[in-house]
Amino acid sequence: MNKDYLGDSVYVEQDEFRGIVLTTENGYGPSNTIVLEPQVAKSLVDYIRRISGNPQWPDMRRPVE
């Protein structure tokens, strides 16, 4: 599994058995882990859509700034 850096010491990776895994790391390995099962990940996306006012988020037609 490959981890992607999101910023502020937060990394994300997909685990085919657990879902989306978020970790915080300080150079010595993960210090916190959050596993987002598919329904929880969907709820997070729905939340971001609601607070951003953009029901189409993420808009894949424009690059993320």
Protein backbone atom coordinates (compact mmCIF):
# COMPACT_ATOMS: atom_id res chain seq x y z
CA MET A 1 0.00 0.00 0.00
CA ASN A 2 1.19 3.49 -0.88
CA LYS A 3 0.55 6.39 1.45
CA ASP A 4 -0.19 9.83 0.08
CA TYR A 5 0.77 12.91 2.07
CA LEU A 6 -2.18 15.26 2.63
CA GLY A 7 -0.37 17.93 4.64
CA ASP A 8 0.18 18.79 8.32
CA SER A 9 1.70 15.32 9.00
CA VAL A 10 -1.46 13.57 7.74
CA TYR A 11 -1.22 10.60 5.37
CA VAL A 12 -3.90 8.59 3.60
CA GLU A 13 -3.93 5.13 2.08
CA GLN A 14 -6.54 2.66 0.92
CA ASP A 15 -6.74 -0.72 2.58
CA GLU A 16 -8.89 -3.18 0.65
CA PHE A 17 -10.04 -4.81 3.88
CA ARG A 18 -10.50 -1.82 6.19
CA GLY A 19 -11.28 1.10 3.86
CA ILE A 20 -9.55 4.47 3.82
CA VAL A 21 -6.88 4.78 6.50
CA LEU A 22 -5.73 8.18 7.77
CA THR A 23 -2.63 8.42 9.94
CA THR A 24 -0.64 11.17 11.57
CA GLU A 25 3.09 10.64 11.53
CA ASN A 26 6.06 12.50 12.95
CA GLY A 27 8.86 10.56 11.24
CA TYR A 28 8.77 7.64 13.68
CA GLY A 29 5.73 5.87 12.25
CA PRO A 30 2.00 6.42 12.77
CA SER A 31 0.98 8.04 16.04
CA ASN A 32 -2.77 8.15 15.33
CA THR A 33 -4.89 6.05 12.99
CA ILE A 34 -8.45 6.60 11.77
CA VAL A 35 -10.13 3.99 9.57
CA LEU A 36 -12.97 5.26 7.38
CA GLU A 37 -15.21 2.42 6.33
CA PRO A 38 -17.03 3.08 3.03
CA GLN A 39 -20.16 4.49 4.68
CA VAL A 40 -18.12 6.75 6.94
CA ALA A 41 -16.06 8.00 3.95
CA LYS A 42 -19.32 8.75 2.11
CA SER A 43 -20.59 10.66 5.15
CA LEU A 44 -17.39 12.72 5.18
CA VAL A 45 -17.78 13.58 1.48
CA ASP A 46 -21.44 14.48 2.07
CA TYR A 47 -20.37 16.75 4.95
CA ILE A 48 -17.77 18.53 2.81
CA ARG A 49 -20.35 19.00 0.06
CA ARG A 50 -22.79 20.48 2.55
CA ILE A 51 -20.38 22.92 4.21
CA SER A 52 -18.76 23.97 0.91
CA GLY A 53 -22.13 24.63 -0.70
CA ASN A 54 -20.94 22.58 -3.69
CA PRO A 55 -23.15 19.50 -4.21
CA GLN A 56 -20.82 18.38 -7.02
CA TRP A 57 -17.68 18.34 -4.84
CA PRO A 58 -15.16 17.19 -5.83
CA ASP A 59 -15.45 18.93 -9.18
CA MET A 60 -13.09 16.89 -11.33
CA ARG A 61 -13.21 19.47 -14.12
CA ARG A 62 -10.95 21.89 -12.29
CA PRO A 63 -7.66 21.27 -10.52
CA VAL A 64 -7.57 21.38 -6.73
CA GLU A 65 -5.96 24.58 -5.49
